[in-house]
Amino acid sequence: MTKKEYAERNIGMTFDFIRQIIEHPVIIDTIPDNAELDFVDKDMPVKAKGRGGKRNIARYKVERVFEPVKE
């Protein structure tokens, strides 16, 4: 996957996530303050935690809907 394809994929998932938040506002409660969102494809393994220091990351697995990843 090229950098352009990766960026386009992430932009598309971001808009899909916003649409889901609009339909189900309770999702907002699953996002910690100042968190960085990380979208994980349903077929991709979840990245290891703790790369290069503490970062506040909220991961969401993308299937048909976005769901928080339990770590």
N, C-alpha and C. Protein backbone atom coordinates (compact mmCIF):
# COMPACT_ATOMS: atom_id res chain seq x y z
N MET A 1 0.85 -1.16 0.00
CA MET A 1 0.00 0.00 0.00
C MET A 1 0.90 1.24 0.00
N THR A 2 0.65 2.16 -0.92
CA THR A 2 1.45 3.38 -0.99
C THR A 2 1.04 4.34 0.12
N LYS A 3 1.87 5.34 0.37
CA LYS A 3 1.55 6.33 1.39
C LYS A 3 0.25 7.05 1.04
N LYS A 4 0.03 7.33 -0.25
CA LYS A 4 -1.19 8.01 -0.68
C LYS A 4 -2.41 7.13 -0.41
N GLU A 5 -2.32 5.85 -0.75
CA GLU A 5 -3.43 4.92 -0.50
C GLU A 5 -3.71 4.80 0.99
N TYR A 6 -2.65 4.73 1.80
CA TYR A 6 -2.79 4.63 3.25
C TYR A 6 -3.49 5.88 3.80
N ALA A 7 -3.08 7.07 3.32
CA ALA A 7 -3.69 8.31 3.77
C ALA A 7 -5.17 8.37 3.36
N GLU A 8 -5.47 8.00 2.12
CA GLU A 8 -6.85 8.01 1.65
C GLU A 8 -7.72 7.05 2.45
N ARG A 9 -7.18 5.89 2.78
CA ARG A 9 -7.90 4.90 3.57
C ARG A 9 -8.22 5.46 4.96
N ASN A 10 -7.22 6.09 5.58
CA ASN A 10 -7.43 6.66 6.92
C ASN A 10 -8.42 7.81 6.90
N ILE A 11 -8.38 8.63 5.87
CA ILE A 11 -9.34 9.73 5.75
C ILE A 11 -10.75 9.17 5.61
N GLY A 12 -10.92 8.15 4.78
CA GLY A 12 -12.23 7.51 4.62
C GLY A 12 -12.74 6.93 5.92
N MET A 13 -11.86 6.24 6.66
CA MET A 13 -12.28 5.66 7.94
C MET A 13 -12.63 6.75 8.95
N THR A 14 -11.91 7.87 8.91
CA THR A 14 -12.21 8.96 9.83
C THR A 14 -13.61 9.50 9.59
N PHE A 15 -13.97 9.71 8.33
CA PHE A 15 -15.32 10.19 8.03
C PHE A 15 -16.38 9.15 8.40
N ASP A 16 -16.09 7.88 8.17
CA ASP A 16 -17.03 6.83 8.59
C ASP A 16 -17.21 6.84 10.11
N PHE A 17 -16.11 7.06 10.83
CA PHE A 17 -16.17 7.11 12.30
C PHE A 17 -17.01 8.30 12.76
N ILE A 18 -16.83 9.44 12.11
CA ILE A 18 -17.63 10.63 12.47
C ILE A 18 -19.11 10.36 12.22
N ARG A 19 -19.43 9.71 11.10
CA ARG A 19 -20.84 9.37 10.82
C ARG A 19 -21.41 8.48 11.92
N GLN A 20 -20.60 7.50 12.37
CA GLN A 20 -21.08 6.59 13.41
C GLN A 20 -21.27 7.34 14.73
N ILE A 21 -20.37 8.27 15.04
CA ILE A 21 -20.53 9.07 16.26
C ILE A 21 -21.81 9.89 16.21
N ILE A 22 -22.12 10.43 15.04
CA ILE A 22 -23.35 11.21 14.90
C ILE A 22 -24.56 10.32 15.14
N GLU A 23 -24.53 9.09 14.63
CA GLU A 23 -25.64 8.16 14.81
C GLU A 23 -25.71 7.60 16.23
N HIS A 24 -24.54 7.44 16.88
CA HIS A 24 -24.46 6.83 18.22
C HIS A 24 -23.53 7.68 19.10
N PRO A 25 -24.02 8.81 19.60
CA PRO A 25 -23.16 9.73 20.38
C PRO A 25 -22.53 9.12 21.63
N VAL A 26 -23.04 8.00 22.12
CA VAL A 26 -22.47 7.37 23.31
C VAL A 26 -21.02 6.93 23.06
N ILE A 27 -20.63 6.77 21.81
CA ILE A 27 -19.25 6.39 21.47
C ILE A 27 -18.26 7.42 22.00
N ILE A 28 -18.67 8.66 22.04
CA ILE A 28 -17.77 9.73 22.51
C ILE A 28 -17.26 9.41 23.91
N ASP A 29 -18.08 8.77 24.72
CA ASP A 29 -17.67 8.43 26.10
C ASP A 29 -16.54 7.40 26.13
N THR A 30 -16.29 6.69 25.02
CA THR A 30 -15.22 5.69 25.00
C THR A 30 -13.87 6.30 24.63
N ILE A 31 -13.86 7.59 24.27
CA ILE A 31 -12.62 8.26 23.85
C ILE A 31 -12.08 9.07 25.02
N PRO A 32 -10.90 8.72 25.52
CA PRO A 32 -10.31 9.50 26.62
C PRO A 32 -9.95 10.91 26.16
N ASP A 33 -9.91 11.85 27.09
CA ASP A 33 -9.49 13.21 26.76
C ASP A 33 -8.09 13.20 26.15
N ASN A 34 -7.89 14.04 25.16
CA ASN A 34 -6.59 14.22 24.49
C ASN A 34 -6.05 12.93 23.86
N ALA A 35 -6.93 12.01 23.50
CA ALA A 35 -6.48 10.75 22.92
C ALA A 35 -6.23 10.89 21.43
N GLU A 36 -5.30 10.09 20.96
CA GLU A 36 -5.04 9.94 19.52
C GLU A 36 -5.81 8.72 19.07
N LEU A 37 -6.59 8.84 17.99
CA LEU A 37 -7.38 7.70 17.51
C LEU A 37 -6.54 6.86 16.57
N ASP A 38 -6.68 5.55 16.70
CA ASP A 38 -5.97 4.60 15.85
C ASP A 38 -7.01 3.60 15.34
N PHE A 39 -7.21 3.54 14.03
CA PHE A 39 -8.18 2.63 13.44
C PHE A 39 -7.47 1.35 13.01
N VAL A 40 -7.98 0.20 13.42
CA VAL A 40 -7.38 -1.10 13.14
C VAL A 40 -8.34 -1.89 12.26
N ASP A 41 -7.87 -2.31 11.08
CA ASP A 41 -8.71 -3.13 10.21
C ASP A 41 -9.03 -4.44 10.91
N LYS A 42 -10.20 -5.00 10.60
CA LYS A 42 -10.64 -6.23 11.25
C LYS A 42 -9.66 -7.38 11.02
N ASP A 43 -8.92 -7.37 9.91
CA ASP A 43 -8.00 -8.46 9.59
C ASP A 43 -6.56 -8.18 10.01
N MET A 44 -6.31 -7.00 10.60
CA MET A 44 -4.96 -6.65 11.02
C MET A 44 -4.78 -6.95 12.50
N PRO A 45 -3.60 -7.43 12.88
CA PRO A 45 -3.36 -7.60 14.32
C PRO A 45 -3.22 -6.23 14.98
N VAL A 46 -3.58 -6.16 16.26
CA VAL A 46 -3.47 -4.91 17.01
C VAL A 46 -2.00 -4.65 17.29
N LYS A 47 -1.59 -3.39 17.09
CA LYS A 47 -0.19 -3.00 17.34
C LYS A 47 0.13 -3.12 18.82
N ALA A 48 1.40 -3.38 19.10
CA ALA A 48 1.85 -3.47 20.49
C ALA A 48 1.78 -2.09 21.14
N LYS A 49 1.49 -2.07 22.43
CA LYS A 49 1.45 -0.83 23.19
C LYS A 49 2.87 -0.39 23.52
N GLY A 50 2.98 0.89 23.85
CA GLY A 50 4.22 1.40 24.42
C GLY A 50 5.32 1.71 23.45
N ARG A 51 5.02 2.08 22.22
CA ARG A 51 6.07 2.46 21.29
C ARG A 51 6.56 3.86 21.61
N GLY A 52 7.77 3.97 22.10
CA GLY A 52 8.39 5.27 22.29
C GLY A 52 7.76 6.19 23.31
N GLY A 53 7.40 5.69 24.44
CA GLY A 53 6.87 6.54 25.48
C GLY A 53 5.36 6.40 25.62
N LYS A 54 4.85 7.12 26.60
CA LYS A 54 3.40 7.01 26.86
C LYS A 54 2.65 7.97 25.96
N ARG A 55 1.74 7.40 25.20
CA ARG A 55 0.84 8.19 24.37
C ARG A 55 -0.57 7.76 24.69
N ASN A 56 -1.47 8.69 24.68
CA ASN A 56 -2.86 8.42 24.97
C ASN A 56 -3.54 8.02 23.66
N ILE A 57 -3.67 6.72 23.40
CA ILE A 57 -4.21 6.22 22.15
C ILE A 57 -5.50 5.44 22.41
N ALA A 58 -6.54 5.78 21.66
CA ALA A 58 -7.80 5.03 21.70
C ALA A 58 -7.89 4.28 20.38
N ARG A 59 -7.89 2.94 20.45
CA ARG A 59 -7.92 2.12 19.23
C ARG A 59 -9.34 1.62 18.98
N TYR A 60 -9.71 1.60 17.70
CA TYR A 60 -11.03 1.13 17.28
C TYR A 60 -10.85 0.15 16.14
N LYS A 61 -11.41 -1.05 16.33
CA LYS A 61 -11.37 -2.06 15.28
C LYS A 61 -12.48 -1.75 14.29
N VAL A 62 -12.14 -1.80 12.99
CA VAL A 62 -13.10 -1.44 11.96
C VAL A 62 -13.64 -2.72 11.33
N GLU A 63 -14.89 -2.99 11.58
CA GLU A 63 -15.58 -4.08 10.91
C GLU A 63 -16.70 -3.43 10.13
N ARG A 64 -17.92 -3.64 10.53
CA ARG A 64 -19.02 -2.87 9.94
C ARG A 64 -19.25 -1.59 10.71
N VAL A 65 -18.94 -1.66 11.99
CA VAL A 65 -19.02 -0.51 12.86
C VAL A 65 -17.71 -0.41 13.62
N PHE A 66 -17.47 0.72 14.23
CA PHE A 66 -16.26 0.89 15.02
C PHE A 66 -16.54 0.44 16.44
N GLU A 67 -15.60 -0.33 16.99
CA GLU A 67 -15.74 -0.75 18.38
C GLU A 67 -14.42 -0.55 19.09
N PRO A 68 -14.44 -0.12 20.35
CA PRO A 68 -13.19 0.08 21.08
C PRO A 68 -12.42 -1.23 21.22
N VAL A 69 -11.11 -1.15 21.11
CA VAL A 69 -10.24 -2.32 21.28
C VAL A 69 -9.87 -2.41 22.75
N LYS A 70 -10.16 -3.53 23.36
CA LYS A 70 -9.81 -3.75 24.77
C LYS A 70 -8.37 -4.21 24.84
N GLU A 71 -7.55 -3.49 25.60
CA GLU A 71 -6.13 -3.85 25.72
C GLU A 71 -5.81 -4.32 27.10
